Amino acid sequence: MENALKEYREEFGLSQRELAEHIGVTRQTINAVEGNRYDPSVELVFKLAAFFECRVENLFQPTVDLKTTAAEVGN
């Protein structure tokens, strides 16, 4: 999942450690999310969006490869 976490964090002048402390995770978690090595939980995604007062979609852009949609299943 692509993300803009590093850009938001730097815009607010925060280190990875400072952001981690505000959110309640480790610096390693922030580092892994920023490096696209870890897809955060839904709870963490919402915590980050709330902290930066932005929409989830501004921080995270999922890469989804669907074979069918719910509408197609119902037909």
PDB file of N, CA and C in Angstrom:
ATOM      1  N   MET A   1       0.855  -1.163   0.000  1.00  0.00           N
ATOM      2  CA  MET A   1       0.000   0.000   0.000  1.00  0.00           C
ATOM      3  C   MET A   1       0.905   1.231   0.000  1.00  0.00           C
ATOM      4  N   GLU A   2       0.735   2.055  -0.990  1.00  0.00           N
ATOM      5  CA  GLU A   2       1.506   3.299  -1.075  1.00  0.00           C
ATOM      6  C   GLU A   2       1.014   4.278  -0.012  1.00  0.00           C
ATOM      7  N   ASN A   3       1.926   5.144   0.471  1.00  0.00           N
ATOM      8  CA  ASN A   3       1.499   6.109   1.473  1.00  0.00           C
ATOM      9  C   ASN A   3       2.320   7.385   1.391  1.00  0.00           C
ATOM     10  N   ALA A   4       1.785   8.432   1.994  1.00  0.00           N
ATOM     11  CA  ALA A   4       2.436   9.736   2.052  1.00  0.00           C
ATOM     12  C   ALA A   4       2.799  10.076   3.494  1.00  0.00           C
ATOM     13  N   LEU A   5       3.000   9.066   4.317  1.00  0.00           N
ATOM     14  CA  LEU A   5       3.250   9.290   5.732  1.00  0.00           C
ATOM     15  C   LEU A   5       4.507  10.114   5.967  1.00  0.00           C
ATOM     16  N   LYS A   6       5.580   9.799   5.279  1.00  0.00           N
ATOM     17  CA  LYS A   6       6.833  10.535   5.472  1.00  0.00           C
ATOM     18  C   LYS A   6       6.641  12.020   5.134  1.00  0.00           C
ATOM     19  N   GLU A   7       5.933  12.300   4.049  1.00  0.00           N
ATOM     20  CA  GLU A   7       5.704  13.685   3.655  1.00  0.00           C
ATOM     21  C   GLU A   7       4.910  14.441   4.718  1.00  0.00           C
ATOM     22  N   TYR A   8       3.866  13.804   5.238  1.00  0.00           N
ATOM     23  CA  TYR A   8       3.071  14.438   6.296  1.00  0.00           C
ATOM     24  C   TYR A   8       3.917  14.647   7.553  1.00  0.00           C
ATOM     25  N   ARG A   9       4.654  13.614   7.928  1.00  0.00           N
ATOM     26  CA  ARG A   9       5.476  13.699   9.135  1.00  0.00           C
ATOM     27  C   ARG A   9       6.497  14.832   9.019  1.00  0.00           C
ATOM     28  N   GLU A  10       7.173  14.910   7.891  1.00  0.00           N
ATOM     29  CA  GLU A  10       8.179  15.955   7.690  1.00  0.00           C
ATOM     30  C   GLU A  10       7.548  17.340   7.622  1.00  0.00           C
ATOM     31  N   GLU A  11       6.365  17.431   7.006  1.00  0.00           N
ATOM     32  CA  GLU A  11       5.657  18.717   6.928  1.00  0.00           C
ATOM     33  C   GLU A  11       5.351  19.253   8.335  1.00  0.00           C
ATOM     34  N   PHE A  12       5.069  18.350   9.265  1.00  0.00           N
ATOM     35  CA  PHE A  12       4.768  18.744  10.638  1.00  0.00           C
ATOM     36  C   PHE A  12       6.023  18.842  11.501  1.00  0.00           C
ATOM     37  N   GLY A  13       7.185  18.583  10.894  1.00  0.00           N
ATOM     38  CA  GLY A  13       8.447  18.717  11.607  1.00  0.00           C
ATOM     39  C   GLY A  13       8.671  17.680  12.688  1.00  0.00           C
ATOM     40  N   LEU A  14       8.181  16.469  12.456  1.00  0.00           N
ATOM     41  CA  LEU A  14       8.295  15.399  13.453  1.00  0.00           C
ATOM     42  C   LEU A  14       9.321  14.360  13.026  1.00  0.00           C
ATOM     43  N   SER A  15      10.035  13.828  13.990  1.00  0.00           N
ATOM     44  CA  SER A  15      10.887  12.673  13.722  1.00  0.00           C
ATOM     45  C   SER A  15      10.004  11.422  13.755  1.00  0.00           C
ATOM     46  N   GLN A  16      10.539  10.323  13.283  1.00  0.00           N
ATOM     47  CA  GLN A  16       9.790   9.068  13.357  1.00  0.00           C
ATOM     48  C   GLN A  16       9.479   8.728  14.809  1.00  0.00           C
ATOM     49  N   ARG A  17      10.442   8.952  15.683  1.00  0.00           N
ATOM     50  CA  ARG A  17      10.252   8.645  17.104  1.00  0.00           C
ATOM     51  C   ARG A  17       9.138   9.507  17.709  1.00  0.00           C
ATOM     52  N   GLU A  18       9.130  10.798  17.392  1.00  0.00           N
ATOM     53  CA  GLU A  18       8.098  11.691  17.932  1.00  0.00           C
ATOM     54  C   GLU A  18       6.713  11.272  17.465  1.00  0.00           C
ATOM     55  N   LEU A  19       6.583  10.966  16.170  1.00  0.00           N
ATOM     56  CA  LEU A  19       5.286  10.527  15.655  1.00  0.00           C
ATOM     57  C   LEU A  19       4.867   9.230  16.333  1.00  0.00           C
ATOM     58  N   ALA A  20       5.791   8.304  16.463  1.00  0.00           N
ATOM     59  CA  ALA A  20       5.485   7.023  17.095  1.00  0.00           C
ATOM     60  C   ALA A  20       4.969   7.226  18.517  1.00  0.00           C
ATOM     61  N   GLU A  21       5.595   8.118  19.260  1.00  0.00           N
ATOM     62  CA  GLU A  21       5.171   8.376  20.640  1.00  0.00           C
ATOM     63  C   GLU A  21       3.764   8.970  20.686  1.00  0.00           C
ATOM     64  N   HIS A  22       3.451   9.869  19.760  1.00  0.00           N
ATOM     65  CA  HIS A  22       2.113  10.477  19.716  1.00  0.00           C
ATOM     66  C   HIS A  22       1.043   9.441  19.375  1.00  0.00           C
ATOM     67  N   ILE A  23       1.384   8.493  18.508  1.00  0.00           N
ATOM     68  CA  ILE A  23       0.421   7.505  18.011  1.00  0.00           C
ATOM     69  C   ILE A  23       0.347   6.272  18.918  1.00  0.00           C
ATOM     70  N   GLY A  24       1.426   5.996  19.643  1.00  0.00           N
ATOM     71  CA  GLY A  24       1.435   4.827  20.524  1.00  0.00           C
ATOM     72  C   GLY A  24       1.979   3.576  19.875  1.00  0.00           C
ATOM     73  N   VAL A  25       2.934   3.750  18.954  1.00  0.00           N
ATOM     74  CA  VAL A  25       3.609   2.613  18.322  1.00  0.00           C
ATOM     75  C   VAL A  25       5.108   2.826  18.440  1.00  0.00           C
ATOM     76  N   THR A  26       5.884   1.903  17.908  1.00  0.00           N
ATOM     77  CA  THR A  26       7.336   2.050  17.951  1.00  0.00           C
ATOM     78  C   THR A  26       7.831   2.839  16.739  1.00  0.00           C
ATOM     79  N   ARG A  27       9.047   3.367  16.878  1.00  0.00           N
ATOM     80  CA  ARG A  27       9.665   4.063  15.756  1.00  0.00           C
ATOM     81  C   ARG A  27       9.848   3.096  14.591  1.00  0.00           C
ATOM     82  N   GLN A  28      10.142   1.839  14.900  1.00  0.00           N
ATOM     83  CA  GLN A  28      10.329   0.836  13.853  1.00  0.00           C
ATOM     84  C   GLN A  28       9.055   0.636  13.036  1.00  0.00           C
ATOM     85  N   THR A  29       7.898   0.733  13.697  1.00  0.00           N
ATOM     86  CA  THR A  29       6.628   0.606  12.971  1.00  0.00           C
ATOM     87  C   THR A  29       6.470   1.750  11.985  1.00  0.00           C
ATOM     88  N   ILE A  30       6.733   2.972  12.434  1.00  0.00           N
ATOM     89  CA  ILE A  30       6.630   4.132  11.541  1.00  0.00           C
ATOM     90  C   ILE A  30       7.598   3.971  10.378  1.00  0.00           C
ATOM     91  N   ASN A  31       8.826   3.543  10.670  1.00  0.00           N
ATOM     92  CA  ASN A  31       9.830   3.343   9.633  1.00  0.00           C
ATOM     93  C   ASN A  31       9.369   2.304   8.613  1.00  0.00           C
ATOM     94  N   ALA A  32       8.803   1.204   9.080  1.00  0.00           N
ATOM     95  CA  ALA A  32       8.343   0.138   8.187  1.00  0.00           C
ATOM     96  C   ALA A  32       7.164   0.591   7.331  1.00  0.00           C
ATOM     97  N   VAL A  33       6.249   1.363   7.911  1.00  0.00           N
ATOM     98  CA  VAL A  33       5.111   1.872   7.135  1.00  0.00           C
ATOM     99  C   VAL A  33       5.615   2.832   6.062  1.00  0.00           C
ATOM    100  N   GLU A  34       6.470   3.762   6.453  1.00  0.00           N
ATOM    101  CA  GLU A  34       7.006   4.723   5.485  1.00  0.00           C
ATOM    102  C   GLU A  34       7.757   4.036   4.350  1.00  0.00           C
ATOM    103  N   GLY A  35       8.449   2.949   4.664  1.00  0.00           N
ATOM    104  CA  GLY A  35       9.213   2.220   3.656  1.00  0.00           C
ATOM    105  C   GLY A  35       8.403   1.207   2.874  1.00  0.00           C
ATOM    106  N   ASN A  36       7.092   1.209   3.076  1.00  0.00           N
ATOM    107  CA  ASN A  36       6.186   0.275   2.392  1.00  0.00           C
ATOM    108  C   ASN A  36       6.558  -1.185   2.650  1.00  0.00           C
ATOM    109  N   ARG A  37       7.107  -1.451   3.841  1.00  0.00           N
ATOM    110  CA  ARG A  37       7.435  -2.827   4.222  1.00  0.00           C
ATOM    111  C   ARG A  37       6.389  -3.404   5.171  1.00  0.00           C
ATOM    112  N   TYR A  38       5.423  -2.599   5.557  1.00  0.00           N
ATOM    113  CA  TYR A  38       4.399  -3.026   6.512  1.00  0.00           C
ATOM    114  C   TYR A  38       3.103  -2.300   6.203  1.00  0.00           C
ATOM    115  N   ASP A  39       2.037  -3.056   5.983  1.00  0.00           N
ATOM    116  CA  ASP A  39       0.718  -2.461   5.814  1.00  0.00           C
ATOM    117  C   ASP A  39       0.092  -2.330   7.195  1.00  0.00           C
ATOM    118  N   PRO A  40      -0.172  -1.090   7.614  1.00  0.00           N
ATOM    119  CA  PRO A  40      -0.691  -0.872   8.967  1.00  0.00           C
ATOM    120  C   PRO A  40      -2.105  -1.407   9.135  1.00  0.00           C
ATOM    121  N   SER A  41      -2.464  -1.657  10.384  1.00  0.00           N
ATOM    122  CA  SER A  41      -3.822  -2.093  10.696  1.00  0.00           C
ATOM    123  C   SER A  41      -4.792  -0.955  10.393  1.00  0.00           C
ATOM    124  N   VAL A  42      -6.047  -1.300  10.279  1.00  0.00           N
ATOM    125  CA  VAL A  42      -7.076  -0.285  10.053  1.00  0.00           C
ATOM    126  C   VAL A  42      -7.067   0.717  11.201  1.00  0.00           C
ATOM    127  N   GLU A  43      -6.907   0.230  12.419  1.00  0.00           N
ATOM    128  CA  GLU A  43      -6.871   1.121  13.577  1.00  0.00           C
ATOM    129  C   GLU A  43      -5.726   2.123  13.467  1.00  0.00           C
ATOM    130  N   LEU A  44      -4.540   1.665  13.069  1.00  0.00           N
ATOM    131  CA  LEU A  44      -3.393   2.562  12.938  1.00  0.00           C
ATOM    132  C   LEU A  44      -3.603   3.562  11.806  1.00  0.00           C
ATOM    133  N   VAL A  45      -4.173   3.122  10.714  1.00  0.00           N
ATOM    134  CA  VAL A  45      -4.467   4.030   9.596  1.00  0.00           C
ATOM    135  C   VAL A  45      -5.363   5.167  10.069  1.00  0.00           C
ATOM    136  N   PHE A  46      -6.415   4.834  10.810  1.00  0.00           N
ATOM    137  CA  PHE A  46      -7.332   5.867  11.294  1.00  0.00           C
ATOM    138  C   PHE A  46      -6.682   6.767  12.344  1.00  0.00           C
ATOM    139  N   LYS A  47      -5.820   6.209  13.197  1.00  0.00           N
ATOM    140  CA  LYS A  47      -5.104   7.024  14.186  1.00  0.00           C
ATOM    141  C   LYS A  47      -4.218   8.047  13.491  1.00  0.00           C
ATOM    142  N   LEU A  48      -3.507   7.600  12.466  1.00  0.00           N
ATOM    143  CA  LEU A  48      -2.616   8.508  11.736  1.00  0.00           C
ATOM    144  C   LEU A  48      -3.403   9.602  11.031  1.00  0.00           C
ATOM    145  N   ALA A  49      -4.493   9.236  10.382  1.00  0.00           N
ATOM    146  CA  ALA A  49      -5.317  10.237   9.699  1.00  0.00           C
ATOM    147  C   ALA A  49      -5.892  11.232  10.704  1.00  0.00           C
ATOM    148  N   ALA A  50      -6.339  10.757  11.848  1.00  0.00           N
ATOM    149  CA  ALA A  50      -6.874  11.657  12.874  1.00  0.00           C
ATOM    150  C   ALA A  50      -5.781  12.572  13.409  1.00  0.00           C
ATOM    151  N   PHE A  51      -4.593  12.027  13.631  1.00  0.00           N
ATOM    152  CA  PHE A  51      -3.491  12.837  14.145  1.00  0.00           C
ATOM    153  C   PHE A  51      -3.151  13.973  13.184  1.00  0.00           C
ATOM    154  N   PHE A  52      -3.084  13.669  11.895  1.00  0.00           N
ATOM    155  CA  PHE A  52      -2.750  14.680  10.889  1.00  0.00           C
ATOM    156  C   PHE A  52      -3.974  15.471  10.409  1.00  0.00           C
ATOM    157  N   GLU A  53      -5.136  15.124  10.952  1.00  0.00           N
ATOM    158  CA  GLU A  53      -6.391  15.791  10.596  1.00  0.00           C
ATOM    159  C   GLU A  53      -6.597  15.821   9.079  1.00  0.00           C
ATOM    160  N   CYS A  54      -6.483  14.619   8.500  1.00  0.00           N
ATOM    161  CA  CYS A  54      -6.684  14.491   7.057  1.00  0.00           C
ATOM    162  C   CYS A  54      -7.495  13.231   6.781  1.00  0.00           C
ATOM    163  N   ARG A  55      -7.885  13.074   5.556  1.00  0.00           N
ATOM    164  CA  ARG A  55      -8.619  11.882   5.151  1.00  0.00           C
ATOM    165  C   ARG A  55      -7.654  10.712   4.998  1.00  0.00           C
ATOM    166  N   VAL A  56      -8.130   9.523   5.275  1.00  0.00           N
ATOM    167  CA  VAL A  56      -7.321   8.315   5.116  1.00  0.00           C
ATOM    168  C   VAL A  56      -6.749   8.257   3.698  1.00  0.00           C
ATOM    169  N   GLU A  57      -7.566   8.618   2.720  1.00  0.00           N
ATOM    170  CA  GLU A  57      -7.151   8.552   1.324  1.00  0.00           C
ATOM    171  C   GLU A  57      -6.004   9.506   1.005  1.00  0.00           C
ATOM    172  N   ASN A  58      -5.823  10.553   1.827  1.00  0.00           N
ATOM    173  CA  ASN A  58      -4.704  11.463   1.617  1.00  0.00           C
ATOM    174  C   ASN A  58      -3.396  10.827   2.074  1.00  0.00           C
ATOM    175  N   LEU A  59      -3.471   9.948   3.049  1.00  0.00           N
ATOM    176  CA  LEU A  59      -2.279   9.295   3.586  1.00  0.00           C
ATOM    177  C   LEU A  59      -1.964   7.978   2.891  1.00  0.00           C
ATOM    178  N   PHE A  60      -2.979   7.203   2.574  1.00  0.00           N
ATOM    179  CA  PHE A  60      -2.780   5.854   2.049  1.00  0.00           C
ATOM    180  C   PHE A  60      -3.539   5.647   0.755  1.00  0.00           C
ATOM    181  N   GLN A  61      -2.864   5.043  -0.217  1.00  0.00           N
ATOM    182  CA  GLN A  61      -3.473   4.705  -1.490  1.00  0.00           C
ATOM    183  C   GLN A  61      -3.300   3.206  -1.702  1.00  0.00           C
ATOM    184  N   PRO A  62      -4.353   2.434  -1.408  1.00  0.00           N
ATOM    185  CA  PRO A  62      -4.226   0.983  -1.545  1.00  0.00           C
ATOM    186  C   PRO A  62      -4.081   0.564  -3.004  1.00  0.00           C
ATOM    187  N   THR A  63      -3.341  -0.480  -3.207  1.00  0.00           N
ATOM    188  CA  THR A  63      -3.223  -1.076  -4.530  1.00  0.00           C
ATOM    189  C   THR A  63      -4.059  -2.346  -4.500  1.00  0.00           C
ATOM    190  N   VAL A  64      -5.232  -2.258  -5.079  1.00  0.00           N
ATOM    191  CA  VAL A  64      -6.195  -3.350  -5.015  1.00  0.00           C
ATOM    192  C   VAL A  64      -6.365  -3.948  -6.406  1.00  0.00           C
ATOM    193  N   ASP A  65      -6.294  -5.264  -6.483  1.00  0.00           N
ATOM    194  CA  ASP A  65      -6.485  -5.983  -7.734  1.00  0.00           C
ATOM    195  C   ASP A  65      -7.682  -6.913  -7.566  1.00  0.00           C
ATOM    196  N   LEU A  66      -8.862  -6.406  -7.903  1.00  0.00           N
ATOM    197  CA  LEU A  66     -10.090  -7.198  -7.741  1.00  0.00           C
ATOM    198  C   LEU A  66     -10.394  -7.983  -9.004  1.00  0.00           C
ATOM    199  N   LYS A  67     -10.817  -9.215  -8.814  1.00  0.00           N
ATOM    200  CA  LYS A  67     -11.250 -10.024  -9.955  1.00  0.00           C
ATOM    201  C   LYS A  67     -12.716  -9.736 -10.268  1.00  0.00           C
ATOM    202  N   THR A  68     -13.499  -9.484  -9.226  1.00  0.00           N
ATOM    203  CA  THR A  68     -14.903  -9.142  -9.395  1.00  0.00           C
ATOM    204  C   THR A  68     -15.279  -8.099  -8.345  1.00  0.00           C
ATOM    205  N   THR A  69     -16.379  -7.420  -8.575  1.00  0.00           N
ATOM    206  CA  THR A  69     -16.892  -6.467  -7.609  1.00  0.00           C
ATOM    207  C   THR A  69     -18.154  -7.043  -6.976  1.00  0.00           C
ATOM    208  N   ALA A  70     -18.599  -6.432  -5.905  1.00  0.00           N
ATOM    209  CA  ALA A  70     -19.820  -6.902  -5.244  1.00  0.00           C
ATOM    210  C   ALA A  70     -20.998  -6.827  -6.187  1.00  0.00           C
ATOM    211  N   ALA A  71     -21.048  -5.793  -7.011  1.00  0.00           N
ATOM    212  CA  ALA A  71     -22.160  -5.661  -7.970  1.00  0.00           C
ATOM    213  C   ALA A  71     -22.159  -6.821  -8.973  1.00  0.00           C
ATOM    214  N   GLU A  72     -20.981  -7.244  -9.384  1.00  0.00           N
ATOM    215  CA  GLU A  72     -20.893  -8.355 -10.344  1.00  0.00           C
ATOM    216  C   GLU A  72     -21.306  -9.664  -9.705  1.00  0.00           C
ATOM    217  N   VAL A  73     -21.031  -9.852  -8.437  1.00  0.00           N
ATOM    218  CA  VAL A  73     -21.380 -11.072  -7.726  1.00  0.00           C
ATOM    219  C   VAL A  73     -22.908 -11.184  -7.619  1.00  0.00           C
ATOM    220  N   GLY A  74     -23.583 -10.068  -7.422  1.00  0.00           N
ATOM    221  CA  GLY A  74     -25.036 -10.064  -7.263  1.00  0.00           C
ATOM    222  C   GLY A  74     -25.787 -10.314  -8.555  1.00  0.00           C
ATOM    223  N   ASN A  75     -25.124 -10.258  -9.683  1.00  0.00           N
ATOM    224  CA  ASN A  75     -25.809 -10.444 -10.984  1.00  0.00           C
ATOM    225  C   ASN A  75     -25.789 -11.870 -11.441  1.00  0.00           C
TER     226      ASN A  75
END
